[in-house]
């Protein structure tokens, strides 16, 4: 299994795109060619774009974010927001699990 990170996402995109044009590939993914170009150069995408890219690359977003995919993630988040500027690691993980679960549900509903 390949190791993906947010830092290598752009390189993985460019590798899979190969000789295909940026515009053609962006249209296939469902994003703008400018966005694809930025992500290939190392810029971080927004969540919706990240989801589309992961789907196109056929990779689990959790693999990139470094969190274990958990189908019960929606049942157990126990995070709440505080006035603190930095999130505790367990809060950040709970939020990431929630986002990934929502993403899986969205992708499943699009099939």
PDB file of N, CA and C in Angstrom:
ATOM      1  N   UNK A   1       0.840  -1.183   0.000  1.00  0.00           N
ATOM      2  CA  UNK A   1       0.000   0.000   0.000  1.00  0.00           C
ATOM      3  C   UNK A   1       0.884   1.245   0.000  1.00  0.00           C
ATOM      4  N   UNK A   2       0.573   2.200  -0.855  1.00  0.00           N
ATOM      5  CA  UNK A   2       1.338   3.436  -0.933  1.00  0.00           C
ATOM      6  C   UNK A   2       1.034   4.318   0.260  1.00  0.00           C
ATOM      7  N   UNK A   3       2.036   5.114   0.626  1.00  0.00           N
ATOM      8  CA  UNK A   3       1.834   6.080   1.690  1.00  0.00           C
ATOM      9  C   UNK A   3       1.593   7.435   1.063  1.00  0.00           C
ATOM     10  N   UNK A   4       0.465   8.031   1.381  1.00  0.00           N
ATOM     11  CA  UNK A   4       0.129   9.354   0.887  1.00  0.00           C
ATOM     12  C   UNK A   4       0.147  10.312   2.059  1.00  0.00           C
ATOM     13  N   UNK A   5       0.559  11.518   1.803  1.00  0.00           N
ATOM     14  CA  UNK A   5       0.469  12.578   2.793  1.00  0.00           C
ATOM     15  C   UNK A   5      -0.061  13.806   2.089  1.00  0.00           C
ATOM     16  N   UNK A   6      -0.468  14.775   2.852  1.00  0.00           N
ATOM     17  CA  UNK A   6      -0.955  16.015   2.258  1.00  0.00           C
ATOM     18  C   UNK A   6       0.165  16.675   1.460  1.00  0.00           C
ATOM     19  N   UNK A   7       1.424  16.451   1.898  1.00  0.00           N
ATOM     20  CA  UNK A   7       2.555  17.031   1.185  1.00  0.00           C
ATOM     21  C   UNK A   7       2.809  16.344  -0.164  1.00  0.00           C
ATOM     22  N   UNK A   8       2.438  15.077  -0.298  1.00  0.00           N
ATOM     23  CA  UNK A   8       2.681  14.355  -1.546  1.00  0.00           C
ATOM     24  C   UNK A   8       1.443  14.297  -2.447  1.00  0.00           C
ATOM     25  N   UNK A   9       0.356  14.889  -2.009  1.00  0.00           N
ATOM     26  CA  UNK A   9      -0.888  14.842  -2.776  1.00  0.00           C
ATOM     27  C   UNK A   9      -0.704  15.397  -4.186  1.00  0.00           C
ATOM     28  N   UNK A  10      -0.059  16.543  -4.305  1.00  0.00           N
ATOM     29  CA  UNK A  10       0.151  17.151  -5.616  1.00  0.00           C
ATOM     30  C   UNK A  10       0.973  16.283  -6.543  1.00  0.00           C
ATOM     31  N   UNK A  11       1.998  15.658  -5.995  1.00  0.00           N
ATOM     32  CA  UNK A  11       2.843  14.783  -6.803  1.00  0.00           C
ATOM     33  C   UNK A  11       2.054  13.562  -7.278  1.00  0.00           C
ATOM     34  N   UNK A  12       1.213  13.006  -6.389  1.00  0.00           N
ATOM     35  CA  UNK A  12       0.391  11.847  -6.767  1.00  0.00           C
ATOM     36  C   UNK A  12      -0.594  12.226  -7.865  1.00  0.00           C
ATOM     37  N   UNK A  13      -1.144  13.435  -7.769  1.00  0.00           N
ATOM     38  CA  UNK A  13      -2.048  13.920  -8.811  1.00  0.00           C
ATOM     39  C   UNK A  13      -1.327  14.005 -10.153  1.00  0.00           C
ATOM     40  N   UNK A  14      -0.163  14.650 -10.148  1.00  0.00           N
ATOM     41  CA  UNK A  14       0.608  14.817 -11.383  1.00  0.00           C
ATOM     42  C   UNK A  14       1.010  13.457 -11.957  1.00  0.00           C
ATOM     43  N   UNK A  15       1.400  12.520 -11.086  1.00  0.00           N
ATOM     44  CA  UNK A  15       1.785  11.185 -11.548  1.00  0.00           C
ATOM     45  C   UNK A  15       0.617  10.486 -12.230  1.00  0.00           C
ATOM     46  N   UNK A  16      -0.559  10.540 -11.617  1.00  0.00           N
ATOM     47  CA  UNK A  16      -1.712   9.858 -12.211  1.00  0.00           C
ATOM     48  C   UNK A  16      -2.174  10.568 -13.482  1.00  0.00           C
ATOM     49  N   UNK A  17      -2.076  11.896 -13.494  1.00  0.00           N
ATOM     50  CA  UNK A  17      -2.479  12.664 -14.677  1.00  0.00           C
ATOM     51  C   UNK A  17      -1.599  12.299 -15.854  1.00  0.00           C
ATOM     52  N   UNK A  18      -0.313  12.078 -15.610  1.00  0.00           N
ATOM     53  CA  UNK A  18       0.605  11.671 -16.672  1.00  0.00           C
ATOM     54  C   UNK A  18       0.661  12.675 -17.800  1.00  0.00           C
ATOM     55  N   UNK A  19       0.438  12.200 -18.991  1.00  0.00           N
ATOM     56  CA  UNK A  19       0.506  13.041 -20.186  1.00  0.00           C
ATOM     57  C   UNK A  19      -0.809  13.744 -20.504  1.00  0.00           C
ATOM     58  N   UNK A  20      -1.831  13.483 -19.717  1.00  0.00           N
ATOM     59  CA  UNK A  20      -3.122  14.135 -19.949  1.00  0.00           C
ATOM     60  C   UNK A  20      -3.019  15.591 -19.539  1.00  0.00           C
ATOM     61  N   UNK A  21      -3.732  16.450 -20.213  1.00  0.00           N
ATOM     62  CA  UNK A  21      -3.692  17.874 -19.930  1.00  0.00           C
ATOM     63  C   UNK A  21      -4.348  18.227 -18.602  1.00  0.00           C
ATOM     64  N   UNK A  22      -3.953  19.356 -18.060  1.00  0.00           N
ATOM     65  CA  UNK A  22      -4.513  19.835 -16.793  1.00  0.00           C
ATOM     66  C   UNK A  22      -6.012  20.080 -16.935  1.00  0.00           C
ATOM     67  N   UNK A  23      -6.411  20.725 -18.021  1.00  0.00           N
ATOM     68  CA  UNK A  23      -7.850  21.022 -18.219  1.00  0.00           C
ATOM     69  C   UNK A  23      -8.676  19.747 -18.320  1.00  0.00           C
ATOM     70  N   UNK A  24      -8.200  18.784 -19.089  1.00  0.00           N
ATOM     71  CA  UNK A  24      -8.912  17.515 -19.260  1.00  0.00           C
ATOM     72  C   UNK A  24      -9.052  16.789 -17.916  1.00  0.00           C
ATOM     73  N   UNK A  25      -7.960  16.713 -17.174  1.00  0.00           N
ATOM     74  CA  UNK A  25      -7.970  16.018 -15.892  1.00  0.00           C
ATOM     75  C   UNK A  25      -8.853  16.744 -14.883  1.00  0.00           C
ATOM     76  N   UNK A  26      -8.752  18.056 -14.845  1.00  0.00           N
ATOM     77  CA  UNK A  26      -9.571  18.840 -13.919  1.00  0.00           C
ATOM     78  C   UNK A  26     -11.056  18.621 -14.210  1.00  0.00           C
ATOM     79  N   UNK A  27     -11.407  18.601 -15.472  1.00  0.00           N
ATOM     80  CA  UNK A  27     -12.809  18.355 -15.856  1.00  0.00           C
ATOM     81  C   UNK A  27     -13.246  16.970 -15.377  1.00  0.00           C
ATOM     82  N   UNK A  28     -12.373  15.977 -15.516  1.00  0.00           N
ATOM     83  CA  UNK A  28     -12.669  14.611 -15.079  1.00  0.00           C
ATOM     84  C   UNK A  28     -12.869  14.553 -13.556  1.00  0.00           C
ATOM     85  N   UNK A  29     -12.040  15.274 -12.820  1.00  0.00           N
ATOM     86  CA  UNK A  29     -12.140  15.289 -11.358  1.00  0.00           C
ATOM     87  C   UNK A  29     -13.357  16.088 -10.905  1.00  0.00           C
ATOM     88  N   UNK A  30     -13.679  17.143 -11.656  1.00  0.00           N
ATOM     89  CA  UNK A  30     -14.800  18.010 -11.277  1.00  0.00           C
ATOM     90  C   UNK A  30     -14.342  19.266 -10.561  1.00  0.00           C
ATOM     91  N   UNK A  31     -13.114  19.711 -10.868  1.00  0.00           N
ATOM     92  CA  UNK A  31     -12.570  20.933 -10.282  1.00  0.00           C
ATOM     93  C   UNK A  31     -12.043  21.810 -11.407  1.00  0.00           C
ATOM     94  N   UNK A  32     -11.687  23.047 -11.091  1.00  0.00           N
ATOM     95  CA  UNK A  32     -11.147  23.932 -12.125  1.00  0.00           C
ATOM     96  C   UNK A  32      -9.702  23.569 -12.429  1.00  0.00           C
ATOM     97  N   UNK A  33      -9.276  23.913 -13.635  1.00  0.00           N
ATOM     98  CA  UNK A  33      -7.885  23.626 -14.004  1.00  0.00           C
ATOM     99  C   UNK A  33      -6.913  24.444 -13.156  1.00  0.00           C
ATOM    100  N   UNK A  34      -7.313  25.648 -12.760  1.00  0.00           N
ATOM    101  CA  UNK A  34      -6.454  26.478 -11.904  1.00  0.00           C
ATOM    102  C   UNK A  34      -6.266  25.819 -10.534  1.00  0.00           C
ATOM    103  N   UNK A  35      -7.353  25.257  -9.999  1.00  0.00           N
ATOM    104  CA  UNK A  35      -7.266  24.574  -8.710  1.00  0.00           C
ATOM    105  C   UNK A  35      -6.366  23.355  -8.812  1.00  0.00           C
ATOM    106  N   UNK A  36      -6.539  22.563  -9.856  1.00  0.00           N
ATOM    107  CA  UNK A  36      -5.692  21.385 -10.051  1.00  0.00           C
ATOM    108  C   UNK A  36      -4.225  21.790 -10.124  1.00  0.00           C
ATOM    109  N   UNK A  37      -3.939  22.825 -10.858  1.00  0.00           N
ATOM    110  CA  UNK A  37      -2.570  23.296 -10.988  1.00  0.00           C
ATOM    111  C   UNK A  37      -1.998  23.728  -9.639  1.00  0.00           C
ATOM    112  N   UNK A  38      -2.805  24.442  -8.849  1.00  0.00           N
ATOM    113  CA  UNK A  38      -2.343  24.878  -7.525  1.00  0.00           C
ATOM    114  C   UNK A  38      -2.055  23.678  -6.619  1.00  0.00           C
ATOM    115  N   UNK A  39      -2.947  22.707  -6.602  1.00  0.00           N
ATOM    116  CA  UNK A  39      -2.754  21.534  -5.739  1.00  0.00           C
ATOM    117  C   UNK A  39      -1.518  20.757  -6.185  1.00  0.00           C
ATOM    118  N   UNK A  40      -1.313  20.627  -7.490  1.00  0.00           N
ATOM    119  CA  UNK A  40      -0.114  19.942  -7.984  1.00  0.00           C
ATOM    120  C   UNK A  40       1.159  20.667  -7.560  1.00  0.00           C
ATOM    121  N   UNK A  41       1.070  21.981  -7.368  1.00  0.00           N
ATOM    122  CA  UNK A  41       2.240  22.766  -6.935  1.00  0.00           C
ATOM    123  C   UNK A  41       2.395  22.787  -5.418  1.00  0.00           C
ATOM    124  N   UNK A  42       1.514  22.090  -4.701  1.00  0.00           N
ATOM    125  CA  UNK A  42       1.675  21.961  -3.262  1.00  0.00           C
ATOM    126  C   UNK A  42       0.718  22.756  -2.410  1.00  0.00           C
ATOM    127  N   UNK A  43      -0.208  23.478  -3.020  1.00  0.00           N
ATOM    128  CA  UNK A  43      -1.190  24.218  -2.232  1.00  0.00           C
ATOM    129  C   UNK A  43      -2.246  23.257  -1.685  1.00  0.00           C
ATOM    130  N   UNK A  44      -2.753  23.548  -0.503  1.00  0.00           N
ATOM    131  CA  UNK A  44      -3.750  22.687   0.125  1.00  0.00           C
ATOM    132  C   UNK A  44      -5.136  23.002  -0.432  1.00  0.00           C
ATOM    133  N   UNK A  45      -5.881  21.975  -0.815  1.00  0.00           N
ATOM    134  CA  UNK A  45      -7.234  22.201  -1.337  1.00  0.00           C
ATOM    135  C   UNK A  45      -8.248  22.377  -0.207  1.00  0.00           C
ATOM    136  N   UNK A  46      -9.407  22.927  -0.555  1.00  0.00           N
ATOM    137  CA  UNK A  46     -10.499  22.976   0.416  1.00  0.00           C
ATOM    138  C   UNK A  46     -11.076  21.569   0.543  1.00  0.00           C
ATOM    139  N   UNK A  47     -11.964  21.382   1.508  1.00  0.00           N
ATOM    140  CA  UNK A  47     -12.477  20.045   1.820  1.00  0.00           C
ATOM    141  C   UNK A  47     -13.209  19.403   0.639  1.00  0.00           C
ATOM    142  N   UNK A  48     -14.024  20.165  -0.058  1.00  0.00           N
ATOM    143  CA  UNK A  48     -14.765  19.608  -1.197  1.00  0.00           C
ATOM    144  C   UNK A  48     -13.809  19.157  -2.301  1.00  0.00           C
ATOM    145  N   UNK A  49     -12.819  19.983  -2.597  1.00  0.00           N
ATOM    146  CA  UNK A  49     -11.825  19.638  -3.608  1.00  0.00           C
ATOM    147  C   UNK A  49     -11.009  18.434  -3.160  1.00  0.00           C
ATOM    148  N   UNK A  50     -10.613  18.420  -1.896  1.00  0.00           N
ATOM    149  CA  UNK A  50      -9.870  17.299  -1.331  1.00  0.00           C
ATOM    150  C   UNK A  50     -10.654  15.997  -1.519  1.00  0.00           C
ATOM    151  N   UNK A  51     -11.942  16.046  -1.259  1.00  0.00           N
ATOM    152  CA  UNK A  51     -12.790  14.867  -1.414  1.00  0.00           C
ATOM    153  C   UNK A  51     -12.815  14.384  -2.861  1.00  0.00           C
ATOM    154  N   UNK A  52     -12.972  15.308  -3.790  1.00  0.00           N
ATOM    155  CA  UNK A  52     -13.014  14.941  -5.207  1.00  0.00           C
ATOM    156  C   UNK A  52     -11.681  14.357  -5.671  1.00  0.00           C
ATOM    157  N   UNK A  53     -10.594  14.955  -5.193  1.00  0.00           N
ATOM    158  CA  UNK A  53      -9.266  14.463  -5.567  1.00  0.00           C
ATOM    159  C   UNK A  53      -9.045  13.052  -5.024  1.00  0.00           C
ATOM    160  N   UNK A  54      -9.401  12.839  -3.768  1.00  0.00           N
ATOM    161  CA  UNK A  54      -9.244  11.501  -3.171  1.00  0.00           C
ATOM    162  C   UNK A  54     -10.067  10.468  -3.927  1.00  0.00           C
ATOM    163  N   UNK A  55     -11.264  10.842  -4.287  1.00  0.00           N
ATOM    164  CA  UNK A  55     -12.119   9.921  -5.041  1.00  0.00           C
ATOM    165  C   UNK A  55     -11.480   9.592  -6.389  1.00  0.00           C
ATOM    166  N   UNK A  56     -10.947  10.609  -7.072  1.00  0.00           N
ATOM    167  CA  UNK A  56     -10.311  10.405  -8.371  1.00  0.00           C
ATOM    168  C   UNK A  56      -9.044   9.560  -8.241  1.00  0.00           C
ATOM    169  N   UNK A  57      -8.274   9.795  -7.186  1.00  0.00           N
ATOM    170  CA  UNK A  57      -7.063   9.013  -6.936  1.00  0.00           C
ATOM    171  C   UNK A  57      -7.367   7.623  -6.378  1.00  0.00           C
ATOM    172  N   UNK A  58      -8.635   7.416  -5.992  1.00  0.00           N
ATOM    173  CA  UNK A  58      -9.089   6.153  -5.405  1.00  0.00           C
ATOM    174  C   UNK A  58      -8.329   5.838  -4.125  1.00  0.00           C
ATOM    175  N   UNK A  59      -8.262   6.842  -3.245  1.00  0.00           N
ATOM    176  CA  UNK A  59      -7.605   6.676  -1.955  1.00  0.00           C
ATOM    177  C   UNK A  59      -8.539   7.135  -0.846  1.00  0.00           C
ATOM    178  N   UNK A  60      -8.364   6.579   0.317  1.00  0.00           N
ATOM    179  CA  UNK A  60      -9.139   6.944   1.494  1.00  0.00           C
ATOM    180  C   UNK A  60      -8.581   8.253   2.053  1.00  0.00           C
ATOM    181  N   UNK A  61      -9.405   9.279   2.217  1.00  0.00           N
ATOM    182  CA  UNK A  61      -8.916  10.544   2.784  1.00  0.00           C
ATOM    183  C   UNK A  61      -8.233  10.348   4.135  1.00  0.00           C
ATOM    184  N   UNK A  62      -8.675   9.372   4.905  1.00  0.00           N
ATOM    185  CA  UNK A  62      -8.061   9.098   6.197  1.00  0.00           C
ATOM    186  C   UNK A  62      -6.613   8.678   6.074  1.00  0.00           C
ATOM    187  N   UNK A  63      -6.283   8.048   4.960  1.00  0.00           N
ATOM    188  CA  UNK A  63      -4.903   7.637   4.725  1.00  0.00           C
ATOM    189  C   UNK A  63      -3.995   8.865   4.627  1.00  0.00           C
ATOM    190  N   UNK A  64      -4.480   9.923   4.021  1.00  0.00           N
ATOM    191  CA  UNK A  64      -3.697  11.153   3.883  1.00  0.00           C
ATOM    192  C   UNK A  64      -3.683  11.934   5.188  1.00  0.00           C
ATOM    193  N   UNK A  65      -4.821  11.991   5.852  1.00  0.00           N
ATOM    194  CA  UNK A  65      -4.930  12.776   7.079  1.00  0.00           C
ATOM    195  C   UNK A  65      -4.325  12.072   8.285  1.00  0.00           C
ATOM    196  N   UNK A  66      -3.984  10.805   8.111  1.00  0.00           N
ATOM    197  CA  UNK A  66      -3.349  10.074   9.202  1.00  0.00           C
ATOM    198  C   UNK A  66      -4.305   9.644  10.289  1.00  0.00           C
ATOM    199  N   UNK A  67      -5.568   9.453   9.917  1.00  0.00           N
ATOM    200  CA  UNK A  67      -6.553   8.959  10.882  1.00  0.00           C
ATOM    201  C   UNK A  67      -7.129   7.656  10.362  1.00  0.00           C
ATOM    202  N   UNK A  68      -7.443   6.784  11.284  1.00  0.00           N
ATOM    203  CA  UNK A  68      -8.028   5.499  10.927  1.00  0.00           C
ATOM    204  C   UNK A  68      -9.485   5.717  10.535  1.00  0.00           C
ATOM    205  N   UNK A  69      -9.875   5.158   9.391  1.00  0.00           N
ATOM    206  CA  UNK A  69     -11.265   5.235   8.982  1.00  0.00           C
ATOM    207  C   UNK A  69     -12.111   4.411   9.931  1.00  0.00           C
ATOM    208  N   UNK A  70     -13.250   4.954  10.299  1.00  0.00           N
ATOM    209  CA  UNK A  70     -14.106   4.295  11.270  1.00  0.00           C
ATOM    210  C   UNK A  70     -15.552   4.540  10.877  1.00  0.00           C
ATOM    211  N   UNK A  71     -16.256   3.477  10.526  1.00  0.00           N
ATOM    212  CA  UNK A  71     -17.635   3.631  10.083  1.00  0.00           C
ATOM    213  C   UNK A  71     -18.553   4.097  11.202  1.00  0.00           C
ATOM    214  N   UNK A  72     -18.122   3.997  12.460  1.00  0.00           N
ATOM    215  CA  UNK A  72     -18.945   4.435  13.578  1.00  0.00           C
ATOM    216  C   UNK A  72     -18.576   5.839  14.037  1.00  0.00           C
ATOM    217  N   UNK A  73     -17.799   6.561  13.238  1.00  0.00           N
ATOM    218  CA  UNK A  73     -17.303   7.875  13.654  1.00  0.00           C
ATOM    219  C   UNK A  73     -18.440   8.853  13.943  1.00  0.00           C
ATOM    220  N   UNK A  74     -19.548   8.732  13.217  1.00  0.00           N
ATOM    221  CA  UNK A  74     -20.663   9.652  13.467  1.00  0.00           C
ATOM    222  C   UNK A  74     -21.336   9.380  14.803  1.00  0.00           C
ATOM    223  N   UNK A  75     -21.189   8.168  15.327  1.00  0.00           N
ATOM    224  CA  UNK A  75     -21.852   7.811  16.566  1.00  0.00           C
ATOM    225  C   UNK A  75     -21.081   8.247  17.803  1.00  0.00           C
ATOM    226  N   UNK A  76     -19.775   8.558  17.665  1.00  0.00           N
ATOM    227  CA  UNK A  76     -19.000   8.802  18.849  1.00  0.00           C
ATOM    228  C   UNK A  76     -18.289  10.149  18.973  1.00  0.00           C
ATOM    229  N   UNK A  77     -18.469  11.109  18.062  1.00  0.00           N
ATOM    230  CA  UNK A  77     -17.744  12.359  18.274  1.00  0.00           C
ATOM    231  C   UNK A  77     -18.201  13.028  19.567  1.00  0.00           C
ATOM    232  N   UNK A  78     -17.244  13.480  20.325  1.00  0.00           N
ATOM    233  CA  UNK A  78     -17.600  14.126  21.586  1.00  0.00           C
ATOM    234  C   UNK A  78     -16.834  15.433  21.727  1.00  0.00           C
ATOM    235  N   UNK A  79     -16.663  16.105  20.606  1.00  0.00           N
ATOM    236  CA  UNK A  79     -15.910  17.359  20.629  1.00  0.00           C
ATOM    237  C   UNK A  79     -16.864  18.538  20.758  1.00  0.00           C
ATOM    238  N   UNK A  80     -16.371  19.578  21.364  1.00  0.00           N
ATOM    239  CA  UNK A  80     -17.114  20.827  21.388  1.00  0.00           C
ATOM    240  C   UNK A  80     -16.118  21.957  21.263  1.00  0.00           C
ATOM    241  N   UNK A  81     -16.618  23.090  20.793  1.00  0.00           N
ATOM    242  CA  UNK A  81     -15.741  24.222  20.575  1.00  0.00           C
ATOM    243  C   UNK A  81     -15.628  25.053  21.839  1.00  0.00           C
ATOM    244  N   UNK A  82     -14.444  25.569  22.047  1.00  0.00           N
ATOM    245  CA  UNK A  82     -14.175  26.436  23.187  1.00  0.00           C
ATOM    246  C   UNK A  82     -13.592  27.733  22.653  1.00  0.00           C
ATOM    247  N   UNK A  83     -13.356  28.642  23.537  1.00  0.00           N
ATOM    248  CA  UNK A  83     -12.753  29.899  23.111  1.00  0.00           C
ATOM    249  C   UNK A  83     -11.244  29.763  22.937  1.00  0.00           C
ATOM    250  N   UNK A  84     -10.689  28.593  23.269  1.00  0.00           N
ATOM    251  CA  UNK A  84      -9.265  28.359  23.092  1.00  0.00           C
ATOM    252  C   UNK A  84      -8.932  28.378  21.599  1.00  0.00           C
ATOM    253  N   UNK A  85      -7.754  28.896  21.287  1.00  0.00           N
ATOM    254  CA  UNK A  85      -7.355  28.978  19.883  1.00  0.00           C
ATOM    255  C   UNK A  85      -6.850  27.639  19.339  1.00  0.00           C
ATOM    256  N   UNK A  86      -6.247  26.825  20.154  1.00  0.00           N
ATOM    257  CA  UNK A  86      -5.696  25.551  19.706  1.00  0.00           C
ATOM    258  C   UNK A  86      -6.580  24.403  20.196  1.00  0.00           C
ATOM    259  N   UNK A  87      -6.826  23.462  19.298  1.00  0.00           N
ATOM    260  CA  UNK A  87      -7.610  22.293  19.666  1.00  0.00           C
ATOM    261  C   UNK A  87      -6.712  21.258  20.324  1.00  0.00           C
ATOM    262  N   UNK A  88      -7.263  20.547  21.265  1.00  0.00           N
ATOM    263  CA  UNK A  88      -6.552  19.419  21.853  1.00  0.00           C
ATOM    264  C   UNK A  88      -6.482  18.320  20.794  1.00  0.00           C
ATOM    265  N   UNK A  89      -5.443  17.493  20.818  1.00  0.00           N
ATOM    266  CA  UNK A  89      -5.310  16.432  19.803  1.00  0.00           C
ATOM    267  C   UNK A  89      -6.538  15.518  19.709  1.00  0.00           C
ATOM    268  N   UNK A  90      -7.108  15.171  20.846  1.00  0.00           N
ATOM    269  CA  UNK A  90      -8.285  14.286  20.796  1.00  0.00           C
ATOM    270  C   UNK A  90      -9.489  14.981  20.164  1.00  0.00           C
ATOM    271  N   UNK A  91      -9.599  16.291  20.340  1.00  0.00           N
ATOM    272  CA  UNK A  91     -10.678  17.049  19.705  1.00  0.00           C
ATOM    273  C   UNK A  91     -10.456  17.121  18.208  1.00  0.00           C
ATOM    274  N   UNK A  92      -9.237  17.400  17.805  1.00  0.00           N
ATOM    275  CA  UNK A  92      -8.917  17.457  16.378  1.00  0.00           C
ATOM    276  C   UNK A  92      -9.188  16.110  15.715  1.00  0.00           C
ATOM    277  N   UNK A  93      -8.824  15.016  16.376  1.00  0.00           N
ATOM    278  CA  UNK A  93      -9.061  13.688  15.811  1.00  0.00           C
ATOM    279  C   UNK A  93     -10.555  13.412  15.691  1.00  0.00           C
ATOM    280  N   UNK A  94     -11.314  13.776  16.708  1.00  0.00           N
ATOM    281  CA  UNK A  94     -12.769  13.569  16.664  1.00  0.00           C
ATOM    282  C   UNK A  94     -13.387  14.357  15.510  1.00  0.00           C
ATOM    283  N   UNK A  95     -12.936  15.583  15.314  1.00  0.00           N
ATOM    284  CA  UNK A  95     -13.439  16.391  14.205  1.00  0.00           C
ATOM    285  C   UNK A  95     -13.035  15.780  12.859  1.00  0.00           C
ATOM    286  N   UNK A  96     -11.794  15.317  12.753  1.00  0.00           N
ATOM    287  CA  UNK A  96     -11.346  14.680  11.509  1.00  0.00           C
ATOM    288  C   UNK A  96     -12.163  13.425  11.228  1.00  0.00           C
ATOM    289  N   UNK A  97     -12.421  12.627  12.252  1.00  0.00           N
ATOM    290  CA  UNK A  97     -13.250  11.425  12.086  1.00  0.00           C
ATOM    291  C   UNK A  97     -14.649  11.785  11.598  1.00  0.00           C
ATOM    292  N   UNK A  98     -15.204  12.849  12.159  1.00  0.00           N
ATOM    293  CA  UNK A  98     -16.532  13.296  11.764  1.00  0.00           C
ATOM    294  C   UNK A  98     -16.552  13.738  10.306  1.00  0.00           C
ATOM    295  N   UNK A  99     -15.552  14.504   9.901  1.00  0.00           N
ATOM    296  CA  UNK A  99     -15.471  14.976   8.522  1.00  0.00           C
ATOM    297  C   UNK A  99     -15.322  13.800   7.568  1.00  0.00           C
ATOM    298  N   UNK A 100     -14.463  12.852   7.913  1.00  0.00           N
ATOM    299  CA  UNK A 100     -14.267  11.687   7.054  1.00  0.00           C
ATOM    300  C   UNK A 100     -15.532  10.843   6.944  1.00  0.00           C
ATOM    301  N   UNK A 101     -16.239  10.678   8.030  1.00  0.00           N
ATOM    302  CA  UNK A 101     -17.488   9.912   8.002  1.00  0.00           C
ATOM    303  C   UNK A 101     -18.529  10.619   7.135  1.00  0.00           C
ATOM    304  N   UNK A 102     -18.612  11.930   7.262  1.00  0.00           N
ATOM    305  CA  UNK A 102     -19.554  12.687   6.431  1.00  0.00           C
ATOM    306  C   UNK A 102     -19.171  12.564   4.962  1.00  0.00           C
ATOM    307  N   UNK A 103     -17.877  12.603   4.684  1.00  0.00           N
ATOM    308  CA  UNK A 103     -17.403  12.459   3.315  1.00  0.00           C
ATOM    309  C   UNK A 103     -17.765  11.085   2.755  1.00  0.00           C
ATOM    310  N   UNK A 104     -17.568  10.021   3.546  1.00  0.00           N
ATOM    311  CA  UNK A 104     -17.926   8.669   3.095  1.00  0.00           C
ATOM    312  C   UNK A 104     -19.419   8.581   2.808  1.00  0.00           C
ATOM    313  N   UNK A 105     -20.224   9.165   3.658  1.00  0.00           N
ATOM    314  CA  UNK A 105     -21.670   9.133   3.457  1.00  0.00           C
ATOM    315  C   UNK A 105     -22.048   9.866   2.167  1.00  0.00           C
ATOM    316  N   UNK A 106     -21.419  11.000   1.926  1.00  0.00           N
ATOM    317  CA  UNK A 106     -21.681  11.777   0.712  1.00  0.00           C
ATOM    318  C   UNK A 106     -21.267  10.983  -0.519  1.00  0.00           C
ATOM    319  N   UNK A 107     -20.081  10.384  -0.481  1.00  0.00           N
ATOM    320  CA  UNK A 107     -19.611   9.613  -1.631  1.00  0.00           C
ATOM    321  C   UNK A 107     -20.507   8.405  -1.880  1.00  0.00           C
ATOM    322  N   UNK A 108     -20.976   7.763  -0.814  1.00  0.00           N
ATOM    323  CA  UNK A 108     -21.868   6.602  -0.971  1.00  0.00           C
ATOM    324  C   UNK A 108     -23.202   7.019  -1.576  1.00  0.00           C
ATOM    325  N   UNK A 109     -23.682   8.199  -1.210  1.00  0.00           N
ATOM    326  CA  UNK A 109     -24.969   8.662  -1.744  1.00  0.00           C
ATOM    327  C   UNK A 109     -24.878   9.080  -3.210  1.00  0.00           C
ATOM    328  N   UNK A 110     -23.662   9.343  -3.692  1.00  0.00           N
ATOM    329  CA  UNK A 110     -23.472   9.745  -5.094  1.00  0.00           C
ATOM    330  C   UNK A 110     -23.340   8.562  -6.018  1.00  0.00           C
ATOM    331  N   UNK A 111     -23.215   7.356  -5.477  1.00  0.00           N
ATOM    332  CA  UNK A 111     -23.051   6.151  -6.324  1.00  0.00           C
ATOM    333  C   UNK A 111     -24.331   5.750  -6.965  1.00  0.00           C
TER     334      UNK A 111
END
